[in-house]
Amino acid sequence: MLLLAGETLDVLPGETVLDCLVRHQVEVKSGCKAGACQSCLVRTNNVPPAKSQKGLRQDLIDRGYFMSCQCSADELAEIELADTEVFPSYEANLIQVDQLAPNIFRYWLSPESPIPFRLGQFVKLKYHAVERCYSIAEERDGMLGFHVRLIEDGAMSLLLRHAKQGGSFTITGPLGNCSYQAKSKEQPLLLVGSSTGLAPLYGILKDALCAGHSGPIALYHGAADATGIYLQSELLQLADNHPNFSYVPCTDVEQDEFRTGSPVTISLSDLPDLTGYQVYICGNPAMSRAMQKKAFLAGANLADLFMDPFEAQ
């Protein structure tokens, strides 16, 4: 049994809290159902399993929030639905669109009021009736920059292809803890991402350099082929300006100017001992999980692993 606002909900074997709420027709948001988008947050005064709070902001963890899709309903006795202030929303307008690669674009949005955020965190962007999660990659003159890969027949992609300057968006968030938070400026950082997984990593990198991080920072960005490698000139320029930063683009297929192979394999080949490292992993979910496991086995502390897998929405 699960208690919600004085009402007792029966629980089926193996059922998650989210499934239980939905079956009882309780209105609750949900998204990826894989513990990434954080749409299904609820709270409890009990102790939720650690995996249901992985990646949440510390203030939400302290208040007992957890992802209902990642917790079995029989693990808790009582829950409460999320307060509306957990998901603050802001109106924003589209100012500019830059093409970064054949299918990757940067959308600059200007919020109508300031948003407290850290580069690398993600928000939910709603345009017309479609809502998707995107990471805050850049900030410029009060505008927020999002890297978006447009995919064929994607609901949001179809809308964004035709978005016009001045178009009205709703931004909800920010969410997640995948942002620069080194314990010291000397701590080595490893950033590993695929495709637009570069977006949060680019934000984390810029934040680290802006903060005067002096420890080594290595960025490995992977793509299927050269058409998925973007912001290369900007990253090479940063590497020229900051001797402690190294940038390694890599592709699955052999290309003259890139390393061949996955960013997971290549980064761990270059850096086999990650003791003392802080590791940030973003992009394809399978790649992210593989890198997380291998980074831990290579010596990285679990508390120093930050992951933002781009689960299907």
Foldseek 3Di string as FASTA:
>chain_A
DEAEPNDDFDADPPAFQVNSCVVVVNDADDDQLPQFPLRRKWFDPDQFDPSQCPFWDPVCVVRGIGRRSPGGRVVDHYIYGDDPVQKDKWKWWWADWADFFPQKIKTKIATPDDDDDAQLFWKWKDAPHDIFIFGFQDDDPRITITIDGQDPPDPVSVVVVPDDGGGMMMIIDRTGDLAADDPDLQFEEEEFEEQSQVRSVNRRVVVSVVVVRQHAYEYEYEYQDPRRDGPVVVQVVVCVVRVSYYYAYEHCDDDDPHHHDHSLVVVCVVPVAQARYQYEYEEAPVVQVVSLVSNVVNHDDNVRYGYNYRRDD
